[in-house]
Full PDB file with SEQRES, HELIX, SHEET, SSBOND, CRYST1, ORIGX, SCALE, CONECT and MASTER records, all heavy atoms in Angstrom:
SEQRES   1 A   34  ALA LEU TYR VAL MET SER HIS LEU LEU ASN LEU LYS ALA          
SEQRES   2 A   34  MET THR PHE ILE MET ARG ASN ILE LEU GLN PHE GLY ALA          
SEQRES   3 A   34  LEU ALA LEU LEU VAL VAL PHE GLN                              
HELIX    1 AA1 LEU A    2  LEU A    8  1                                   7    
HELIX    2 AA2 LYS A   12  GLN A   23  1                                  12    
HELIX    3 AA3 GLY A   25  VAL A   32  1                                   8    
CRYST1    1.000    1.000    1.000  90.00  90.00  90.00 P 1           1          
ORIGX1      1.000000  0.000000  0.000000        0.00000                         
ORIGX2      0.000000  1.000000  0.000000        0.00000                         
ORIGX3      0.000000  0.000000  1.000000        0.00000                         
SCALE1      1.000000  0.000000  0.000000        0.00000                         
SCALE2      0.000000  1.000000  0.000000        0.00000                         
SCALE3      0.000000  0.000000  1.000000        0.00000                         
ATOM      1  N   ALA A   1     163.618  61.067 146.498  1.00  0.00           N  
ATOM      2  CA  ALA A   1     163.374  60.848 147.970  1.00  0.00           C  
ATOM      3  C   ALA A   1     162.858  59.417 148.275  1.00  0.00           C  
ATOM      4  O   ALA A   1     163.480  58.867 149.104  1.00  0.00           O  
ATOM      5  CB  ALA A   1     162.259  61.874 148.514  1.00  0.00           C  
ATOM      6  N   LEU A   2     162.148  58.834 147.359  1.00  0.00           N  
ATOM      7  CA  LEU A   2     161.577  57.466 147.528  1.00  0.00           C  
ATOM      8  C   LEU A   2     162.810  56.529 147.357  1.00  0.00           C  
ATOM      9  O   LEU A   2     162.923  55.512 148.037  1.00  0.00           O  
ATOM     10  CB  LEU A   2     160.439  57.115 146.483  1.00  0.00           C  
ATOM     11  CG  LEU A   2     159.893  55.819 146.680  1.00  0.00           C  
ATOM     12  CD1 LEU A   2     159.236  55.581 147.993  1.00  0.00           C  
ATOM     13  CD2 LEU A   2     158.768  55.600 145.526  1.00  0.00           C  
ATOM     14  N   TYR A   3     163.720  56.814 146.422  1.00  0.00           N  
ATOM     15  CA  TYR A   3     164.843  55.954 146.177  1.00  0.00           C  
ATOM     16  C   TYR A   3     165.731  56.038 147.345  1.00  0.00           C  
ATOM     17  O   TYR A   3     166.327  54.978 147.800  1.00  0.00           O  
ATOM     18  CB  TYR A   3     165.554  56.598 144.907  1.00  0.00           C  
ATOM     19  CG  TYR A   3     166.950  55.841 144.677  1.00  0.00           C  
ATOM     20  CD1 TYR A   3     167.046  54.574 144.310  1.00  0.00           C  
ATOM     21  CD2 TYR A   3     168.214  56.532 144.947  1.00  0.00           C  
ATOM     22  CE1 TYR A   3     168.236  53.907 144.229  1.00  0.00           C  
ATOM     23  CE2 TYR A   3     169.369  55.908 144.851  1.00  0.00           C  
ATOM     24  CZ  TYR A   3     169.465  54.649 144.424  1.00  0.00           C  
ATOM     25  OH  TYR A   3     170.567  54.054 144.362  1.00  0.00           O  
ATOM     26  N   VAL A   4     166.032  57.277 147.777  1.00  0.00           N  
ATOM     27  CA  VAL A   4     166.875  57.366 149.042  1.00  0.00           C  
ATOM     28  C   VAL A   4     166.325  56.583 150.186  1.00  0.00           C  
ATOM     29  O   VAL A   4     167.128  55.825 150.892  1.00  0.00           O  
ATOM     30  CB  VAL A   4     167.130  58.777 149.443  1.00  0.00           C  
ATOM     31  CG1 VAL A   4     167.873  58.952 150.662  1.00  0.00           C  
ATOM     32  CG2 VAL A   4     167.924  59.539 148.278  1.00  0.00           C  
ATOM     33  N   MET A   5     165.027  56.667 150.420  1.00  0.00           N  
ATOM     34  CA  MET A   5     164.394  56.079 151.584  1.00  0.00           C  
ATOM     35  C   MET A   5     164.462  54.551 151.464  1.00  0.00           C  
ATOM     36  O   MET A   5     164.704  53.746 152.439  1.00  0.00           O  
ATOM     37  CB  MET A   5     162.919  56.460 151.768  1.00  0.00           C  
ATOM     38  CG  MET A   5     162.140  56.007 152.903  1.00  0.00           C  
ATOM     39  SD  MET A   5     160.409  56.515 152.752  1.00  0.00           S  
ATOM     40  CE  MET A   5     160.601  58.261 152.865  1.00  0.00           C  
ATOM     41  N   SER A   6     164.278  54.009 150.185  1.00  0.00           N  
ATOM     42  CA  SER A   6     164.309  52.553 149.944  1.00  0.00           C  
ATOM     43  C   SER A   6     165.638  52.035 150.194  1.00  0.00           C  
ATOM     44  O   SER A   6     165.884  50.950 150.793  1.00  0.00           O  
ATOM     45  CB  SER A   6     163.895  52.240 148.484  1.00  0.00           C  
ATOM     46  OG  SER A   6     162.662  52.705 148.198  1.00  0.00           O  
ATOM     47  N   HIS A   7     166.659  52.882 149.757  1.00  0.00           N  
ATOM     48  CA  HIS A   7     167.999  52.481 149.931  1.00  0.00           C  
ATOM     49  C   HIS A   7     168.540  52.412 151.483  1.00  0.00           C  
ATOM     50  O   HIS A   7     168.997  51.444 152.026  1.00  0.00           O  
ATOM     51  CB  HIS A   7     169.080  53.355 149.287  1.00  0.00           C  
ATOM     52  CG  HIS A   7     170.513  52.965 149.363  1.00  0.00           C  
ATOM     53  ND1 HIS A   7     171.034  51.917 148.620  1.00  0.00           N  
ATOM     54  CD2 HIS A   7     171.518  53.621 150.100  1.00  0.00           C  
ATOM     55  CE1 HIS A   7     172.343  51.845 149.046  1.00  0.00           C  
ATOM     56  NE2 HIS A   7     172.634  52.753 149.867  1.00  0.00           N  
ATOM     57  N   LEU A   8     167.979  53.419 152.323  1.00  0.00           N  
ATOM     58  CA  LEU A   8     168.223  53.443 153.671  1.00  0.00           C  
ATOM     59  C   LEU A   8     167.532  52.210 154.401  1.00  0.00           C  
ATOM     60  O   LEU A   8     168.159  51.743 155.502  1.00  0.00           O  
ATOM     61  CB  LEU A   8     167.853  54.821 154.250  1.00  0.00           C  
ATOM     62  CG  LEU A   8     168.645  55.963 153.849  1.00  0.00           C  
ATOM     63  CD1 LEU A   8     168.142  57.284 154.330  1.00  0.00           C  
ATOM     64  CD2 LEU A   8     170.113  55.888 154.188  1.00  0.00           C  
ATOM     65  N   LEU A   9     166.347  51.935 154.033  1.00  0.00           N  
ATOM     66  CA  LEU A   9     165.626  50.868 154.658  1.00  0.00           C  
ATOM     67  C   LEU A   9     165.989  49.531 154.006  1.00  0.00           C  
ATOM     68  O   LEU A   9     165.317  48.582 154.360  1.00  0.00           O  
ATOM     69  CB  LEU A   9     164.070  51.258 154.529  1.00  0.00           C  
ATOM     70  CG  LEU A   9     163.572  52.367 155.175  1.00  0.00           C  
ATOM     71  CD1 LEU A   9     162.063  52.601 154.875  1.00  0.00           C  
ATOM     72  CD2 LEU A   9     163.774  52.357 156.697  1.00  0.00           C  
ATOM     73  N   ASN A  10     166.876  49.415 153.140  1.00  0.00           N  
ATOM     74  CA  ASN A  10     167.279  48.158 152.611  1.00  0.00           C  
ATOM     75  C   ASN A  10     166.119  47.421 151.902  1.00  0.00           C  
ATOM     76  O   ASN A  10     165.986  46.200 151.912  1.00  0.00           O  
ATOM     77  CB  ASN A  10     167.933  47.307 153.635  1.00  0.00           C  
ATOM     78  CG  ASN A  10     168.847  46.258 152.980  1.00  0.00           C  
ATOM     79  OD1 ASN A  10     169.370  46.346 151.868  1.00  0.00           O  
ATOM     80  ND2 ASN A  10     168.952  45.129 153.649  1.00  0.00           N  
ATOM     81  N   LEU A  11     165.260  48.184 151.217  1.00  0.00           N  
ATOM     82  CA  LEU A  11     164.222  47.650 150.391  1.00  0.00           C  
ATOM     83  C   LEU A  11     164.718  47.204 148.987  1.00  0.00           C  
ATOM     84  O   LEU A  11     164.658  48.183 148.151  1.00  0.00           O  
ATOM     85  CB  LEU A  11     162.920  48.591 150.361  1.00  0.00           C  
ATOM     86  CG  LEU A  11     162.386  49.001 151.715  1.00  0.00           C  
ATOM     87  CD1 LEU A  11     161.229  49.887 151.509  1.00  0.00           C  
ATOM     88  CD2 LEU A  11     161.888  47.835 152.541  1.00  0.00           C  
ATOM     89  N   LYS A  12     165.206  45.996 148.814  1.00  0.00           N  
ATOM     90  CA  LYS A  12     166.017  45.814 147.604  1.00  0.00           C  
ATOM     91  C   LYS A  12     165.022  45.853 146.405  1.00  0.00           C  
ATOM     92  O   LYS A  12     165.602  46.377 145.227  1.00  0.00           O  
ATOM     93  CB  LYS A  12     166.427  44.418 147.745  1.00  0.00           C  
ATOM     94  CG  LYS A  12     167.523  44.236 148.954  1.00  0.00           C  
ATOM     95  CD  LYS A  12     168.074  42.730 148.963  1.00  0.00           C  
ATOM     96  CE  LYS A  12     169.131  42.632 150.119  1.00  0.00           C  
ATOM     97  NZ  LYS A  12     169.637  41.259 150.184  1.00  0.00           N  
ATOM     98  N   ALA A  13     163.861  45.319 146.369  1.00  0.00           N  
ATOM     99  CA  ALA A  13     163.062  45.285 145.141  1.00  0.00           C  
ATOM    100  C   ALA A  13     162.682  46.818 144.769  1.00  0.00           C  
ATOM    101  O   ALA A  13     162.853  47.126 143.707  1.00  0.00           O  
ATOM    102  CB  ALA A  13     161.748  44.548 145.432  1.00  0.00           C  
ATOM    103  N   MET A  14     162.371  47.624 145.781  1.00  0.00           N  
ATOM    104  CA  MET A  14     162.025  48.991 145.467  1.00  0.00           C  
ATOM    105  C   MET A  14     163.291  49.757 145.064  1.00  0.00           C  
ATOM    106  O   MET A  14     163.190  50.663 144.134  1.00  0.00           O  
ATOM    107  CB  MET A  14     161.431  49.653 146.799  1.00  0.00           C  
ATOM    108  CG  MET A  14     161.007  51.063 146.626  1.00  0.00           C  
ATOM    109  SD  MET A  14     159.714  51.288 145.307  1.00  0.00           S  
ATOM    110  CE  MET A  14     158.270  50.570 146.097  1.00  0.00           C  
ATOM    111  N   THR A  15     164.358  49.619 145.710  1.00  0.00           N  
ATOM    112  CA  THR A  15     165.574  50.205 145.295  1.00  0.00           C  
ATOM    113  C   THR A  15     166.008  49.921 143.800  1.00  0.00           C  
ATOM    114  O   THR A  15     166.363  50.822 143.110  1.00  0.00           O  
ATOM    115  CB  THR A  15     166.776  49.798 146.226  1.00  0.00           C  
ATOM    116  OG1 THR A  15     166.410  50.084 147.612  1.00  0.00           O  
ATOM    117  CG2 THR A  15     168.113  50.464 145.839  1.00  0.00           C  
ATOM    118  N   PHE A  16     165.900  48.641 143.400  1.00  0.00           N  
ATOM    119  CA  PHE A  16     166.122  48.146 141.988  1.00  0.00           C  
ATOM    120  C   PHE A  16     165.338  48.891 141.084  1.00  0.00           C  
ATOM    121  O   PHE A  16     165.715  49.405 140.055  1.00  0.00           O  
ATOM    122  CB  PHE A  16     165.997  46.701 141.924  1.00  0.00           C  
ATOM    123  CG  PHE A  16     166.109  46.215 140.566  1.00  0.00           C  
ATOM    124  CD1 PHE A  16     167.282  46.027 140.012  1.00  0.00           C  
ATOM    125  CD2 PHE A  16     164.934  45.841 139.751  1.00  0.00           C  
ATOM    126  CE1 PHE A  16     167.398  45.442 138.685  1.00  0.00           C  
ATOM    127  CE2 PHE A  16     165.070  45.394 138.594  1.00  0.00           C  
ATOM    128  CZ  PHE A  16     166.380  45.257 137.857  1.00  0.00           C  
ATOM    129  N   ILE A  17     164.006  48.920 141.327  1.00  0.00           N  
ATOM    130  CA  ILE A  17     163.010  49.570 140.558  1.00  0.00           C  
ATOM    131  C   ILE A  17     163.325  51.145 140.378  1.00  0.00           C  
ATOM    132  O   ILE A  17     163.305  51.638 139.197  1.00  0.00           O  
ATOM    133  CB  ILE A  17     161.546  49.459 141.000  1.00  0.00           C  
ATOM    134  CG1 ILE A  17     161.115  47.948 140.958  1.00  0.00           C  
ATOM    135  CG2 ILE A  17     160.617  50.223 140.212  1.00  0.00           C  
ATOM    136  CD1 ILE A  17     159.806  47.665 141.485  1.00  0.00           C  
ATOM    137  N   MET A  18     163.570  51.793 141.601  1.00  0.00           N  
ATOM    138  CA  MET A  18     163.858  53.290 141.507  1.00  0.00           C  
ATOM    139  C   MET A  18     165.090  53.560 140.768  1.00  0.00           C  
ATOM    140  O   MET A  18     165.257  54.525 140.161  1.00  0.00           O  
ATOM    141  CB  MET A  18     163.770  53.700 142.913  1.00  0.00           C  
ATOM    142  CG  MET A  18     162.459  53.740 143.553  1.00  0.00           C  
ATOM    143  SD  MET A  18     161.051  54.291 142.688  1.00  0.00           S  
ATOM    144  CE  MET A  18     161.588  55.978 142.479  1.00  0.00           C  
ATOM    145  N   ARG A  19     166.174  52.721 140.991  1.00  0.00           N  
ATOM    146  CA  ARG A  19     167.453  52.958 140.260  1.00  0.00           C  
ATOM    147  C   ARG A  19     167.224  52.850 138.732  1.00  0.00           C  
ATOM    148  O   ARG A  19     167.845  53.770 138.103  1.00  0.00           O  
ATOM    149  CB  ARG A  19     168.435  51.833 140.740  1.00  0.00           C  
ATOM    150  CG  ARG A  19     169.802  52.201 140.155  1.00  0.00           C  
ATOM    151  CD  ARG A  19     170.789  51.083 140.644  1.00  0.00           C  
ATOM    152  NE  ARG A  19     171.011  50.905 141.957  1.00  0.00           N  
ATOM    153  CZ  ARG A  19     170.641  49.797 142.678  1.00  0.00           C  
ATOM    154  NH1 ARG A  19     170.055  48.660 142.035  1.00  0.00           N  
ATOM    155  NH2 ARG A  19     170.920  49.729 143.961  1.00  0.00           N  
ATOM    156  N   ASN A  20     166.532  51.990 138.323  1.00  0.00           N  
ATOM    157  CA  ASN A  20     166.230  51.770 136.911  1.00  0.00           C  
ATOM    158  C   ASN A  20     165.472  52.991 136.299  1.00  0.00           C  
ATOM    159  O   ASN A  20     165.726  53.406 135.115  1.00  0.00           O  
ATOM    160  CB  ASN A  20     165.685  50.535 136.428  1.00  0.00           C  
ATOM    161  CG  ASN A  20     166.616  49.266 136.544  1.00  0.00           C  
ATOM    162  OD1 ASN A  20     167.337  49.013 135.513  1.00  0.00           O  
ATOM    163  ND2 ASN A  20     166.687  48.636 137.715  1.00  0.00           N  
ATOM    164  N   ILE A  21     164.496  53.398 137.049  1.00  0.00           N  
ATOM    165  CA  ILE A  21     163.604  54.495 136.619  1.00  0.00           C  
ATOM    166  C   ILE A  21     164.546  55.775 136.575  1.00  0.00           C  
ATOM    167  O   ILE A  21     164.469  56.556 135.509  1.00  0.00           O  
ATOM    168  CB  ILE A  21     162.549  54.684 137.710  1.00  0.00           C  
ATOM    169  CG1 ILE A  21     161.476  53.707 137.542  1.00  0.00           C  
ATOM    170  CG2 ILE A  21     161.836  56.096 137.421  1.00  0.00           C  
ATOM    171  CD1 ILE A  21     160.299  53.812 138.644  1.00  0.00           C  
ATOM    172  N   LEU A  22     165.530  55.917 137.501  1.00  0.00           N  
ATOM    173  CA  LEU A  22     166.218  57.241 137.477  1.00  0.00           C  
ATOM    174  C   LEU A  22     167.292  57.149 136.479  1.00  0.00           C  
ATOM    175  O   LEU A  22     167.797  58.200 135.894  1.00  0.00           O  
ATOM    176  CB  LEU A  22     166.973  57.475 138.908  1.00  0.00           C  
ATOM    177  CG  LEU A  22     165.771  57.674 140.009  1.00  0.00           C  
ATOM    178  CD1 LEU A  22     166.554  57.777 141.364  1.00  0.00           C  
ATOM    179  CD2 LEU A  22     165.189  59.108 139.727  1.00  0.00           C  
ATOM    180  N   GLN A  23     167.789  55.871 136.068  1.00  0.00           N  
ATOM    181  CA  GLN A  23     168.834  55.670 135.070  1.00  0.00           C  
ATOM    182  C   GLN A  23     168.283  56.228 133.690  1.00  0.00           C  
ATOM    183  O   GLN A  23     169.090  56.825 132.811  1.00  0.00           O  
ATOM    184  CB  GLN A  23     169.349  54.233 134.933  1.00  0.00           C  
ATOM    185  CG  GLN A  23     170.235  53.955 136.108  1.00  0.00           C  
ATOM    186  CD  GLN A  23     170.696  52.511 136.035  1.00  0.00           C  
ATOM    187  OE1 GLN A  23     170.074  51.637 135.160  1.00  0.00           O  
ATOM    188  NE2 GLN A  23     171.547  52.066 136.784  1.00  0.00           N  
ATOM    189  N   PHE A  24     167.118  55.957 133.409  1.00  0.00           N  
ATOM    190  CA  PHE A  24     166.395  56.443 132.160  1.00  0.00           C  
ATOM    191  C   PHE A  24     165.782  57.765 132.292  1.00  0.00           C  
ATOM    192  O   PHE A  24     165.055  58.182 131.464  1.00  0.00           O  
ATOM    193  CB  PHE A  24     165.387  55.361 131.668  1.00  0.00           C  
ATOM    194  CG  PHE A  24     166.133  54.019 131.223  1.00  0.00           C  
ATOM    195  CD1 PHE A  24     166.136  53.032 132.127  1.00  0.00           C  
ATOM    196  CD2 PHE A  24     166.760  53.903 130.028  1.00  0.00           C  
ATOM    197  CE1 PHE A  24     166.687  51.831 131.807  1.00  0.00           C  
ATOM    198  CE2 PHE A  24     167.364  52.712 129.757  1.00  0.00           C  
ATOM    199  CZ  PHE A  24     167.270  51.596 130.571  1.00  0.00           C  
ATOM    200  N   GLY A  25     165.951  58.389 133.415  1.00  0.00           N  
ATOM    201  CA  GLY A  25     165.188  59.709 133.739  1.00  0.00           C  
ATOM    202  C   GLY A  25     165.772  60.738 132.811  1.00  0.00           C  
ATOM    203  O   GLY A  25     164.995  61.632 132.378  1.00  0.00           O  
ATOM    204  N   ALA A  26     167.062  60.873 132.430  1.00  0.00           N  
ATOM    205  CA  ALA A  26     167.490  61.845 131.591  1.00  0.00           C  
ATOM    206  C   ALA A  26     166.858  61.910 130.345  1.00  0.00           C  
ATOM    207  O   ALA A  26     166.428  62.904 129.736  1.00  0.00           O  
ATOM    208  CB  ALA A  26     168.974  61.640 131.395  1.00  0.00           C  
ATOM    209  N   LEU A  27     166.606  60.755 129.747  1.00  0.00           N  
ATOM    210  CA  LEU A  27     166.088  60.705 128.372  1.00  0.00           C  
ATOM    211  C   LEU A  27     164.579  61.084 128.457  1.00  0.00           C  
ATOM    212  O   LEU A  27     164.038  61.730 127.725  1.00  0.00           O  
ATOM    213  CB  LEU A  27     166.072  59.159 127.724  1.00  0.00           C  
ATOM    214  CG  LEU A  27     165.448  58.961 126.464  1.00  0.00           C  
ATOM    215  CD1 LEU A  27     166.082  59.809 125.359  1.00  0.00           C  
ATOM    216  CD2 LEU A  27     165.606  57.389 126.073  1.00  0.00           C  
ATOM    217  N   ALA A  28     163.873  60.556 129.576  1.00  0.00           N  
ATOM    218  CA  ALA A  28     162.584  60.944 129.861  1.00  0.00           C  
ATOM    219  C   ALA A  28     162.378  62.426 129.987  1.00  0.00           C  
ATOM    220  O   ALA A  28     161.441  63.010 129.495  1.00  0.00           O  
ATOM    221  CB  ALA A  28     161.987  60.295 130.925  1.00  0.00           C  
ATOM    222  N   LEU A  29     163.341  63.031 130.650  1.00  0.00           N  
ATOM    223  CA  LEU A  29     163.271  64.576 130.779  1.00  0.00           C  
ATOM    224  C   LEU A  29     163.250  65.292 129.558  1.00  0.00           C  
ATOM    225  O   LEU A  29     162.617  66.310 129.356  1.00  0.00           O  
ATOM    226  CB  LEU A  29     164.422  64.961 131.777  1.00  0.00           C  
ATOM    227  CG  LEU A  29     164.287  64.776 133.300  1.00  0.00           C  
ATOM    228  CD1 LEU A  29     165.479  65.174 134.009  1.00  0.00           C  
ATOM    229  CD2 LEU A  29     163.044  65.383 133.951  1.00  0.00           C  
ATOM    230  N   LEU A  30     164.266  64.846 128.642  1.00  0.00           N  
ATOM    231  CA  LEU A  30     164.205  65.480 127.294  1.00  0.00           C  
ATOM    232  C   LEU A  30     162.990  65.378 126.439  1.00  0.00           C  
ATOM    233  O   LEU A  30     162.527  66.403 125.779  1.00  0.00           O  
ATOM    234  CB  LEU A  30     165.354  64.731 126.403  1.00  0.00           C  
ATOM    235  CG  LEU A  30     166.745  65.017 126.936  1.00  0.00           C  
ATOM    236  CD1 LEU A  30     167.686  64.293 126.064  1.00  0.00           C  
ATOM    237  CD2 LEU A  30     167.199  66.452 126.901  1.00  0.00           C  
ATOM    238  N   VAL A  31     162.125  64.331 126.757  1.00  0.00           N  
ATOM    239  CA  VAL A  31     160.920  64.108 126.080  1.00  0.00           C  
ATOM    240  C   VAL A  31     159.840  64.963 126.710  1.00  0.00           C  
ATOM    241  O   VAL A  31     159.072  65.761 126.080  1.00  0.00           O  
ATOM    242  CB  VAL A  31     160.422  62.681 126.037  1.00  0.00           C  
ATOM    243  CG1 VAL A  31     159.089  62.483 125.498  1.00  0.00           C  
ATOM    244  CG2 VAL A  31     161.484  61.859 125.280  1.00  0.00           C  
ATOM    245  N   VAL A  32     159.709  64.978 128.004  1.00  0.00           N  
ATOM    246  CA  VAL A  32     158.703  65.585 128.838  1.00  0.00           C  
ATOM    247  C   VAL A  32     158.940  67.164 128.771  1.00  0.00           C  
ATOM    248  O   VAL A  32     158.003  67.849 128.661  1.00  0.00           O  
ATOM    249  CB  VAL A  32     158.693  65.191 130.349  1.00  0.00           C  
ATOM    250  CG1 VAL A  32     157.724  65.983 131.064  1.00  0.00           C  
ATOM    251  CG2 VAL A  32     158.249  63.694 130.428  1.00  0.00           C  
ATOM    252  N   PHE A  33     160.180  67.591 128.871  1.00  0.00           N  
ATOM    253  CA  PHE A  33     160.457  69.074 128.908  1.00  0.00           C  
ATOM    254  C   PHE A  33     160.737  69.503 127.605  1.00  0.00           C  
ATOM    255  O   PHE A  33     161.327  70.720 127.456  1.00  0.00           O  
ATOM    256  CB  PHE A  33     161.650  69.478 129.834  1.00  0.00           C  
ATOM    257  CG  PHE A  33     161.350  69.148 131.297  1.00  0.00           C  
ATOM    258  CD1 PHE A  33     161.661  68.102 131.969  1.00  0.00           C  
ATOM    259  CD2 PHE A  33     160.556  70.210 132.026  1.00  0.00           C  
ATOM    260  CE1 PHE A  33     161.315  67.721 133.371  1.00  0.00           C  
ATOM    261  CE2 PHE A  33     160.339  69.993 133.337  1.00  0.00           C  
ATOM    262  CZ  PHE A  33     160.629  68.852 134.019  1.00  0.00           C  
ATOM    263  N   GLN A  34     160.391  68.971 126.504  1.00  0.00           N  
ATOM    264  CA  GLN A  34     160.842  69.429 125.109  1.00  0.00           C  
ATOM    265  C   GLN A  34     160.301  70.811 124.845  1.00  0.00           C  
ATOM    266  O   GLN A  34     161.096  71.678 124.341  1.00  0.00           O  
ATOM    267  CB  GLN A  34     160.242  68.436 124.040  1.00  0.00           C  
ATOM    268  CG  GLN A  34     160.788  68.719 122.748  1.00  0.00           C  
ATOM    269  CD  GLN A  34     159.927  69.598 121.883  1.00  0.00           C  
ATOM    270  OE1 GLN A  34     158.667  69.692 122.258  1.00  0.00           O  
ATOM    271  NE2 GLN A  34     160.300  70.227 120.839  1.00  0.00           N  
TER     272      GLN A  34                                                      
MASTER        0    0    0    3    0    0    0    6  271    1    0    3          
END                                                                             
């Protein structure tokens, strides 16, 4: 939700950070939900 909001409000720095967090989210999920 924070990523979508940042994208809609054109918050470039926040959008860049959230995009990178979500890109590595799949690997993080495998570790967290092991």
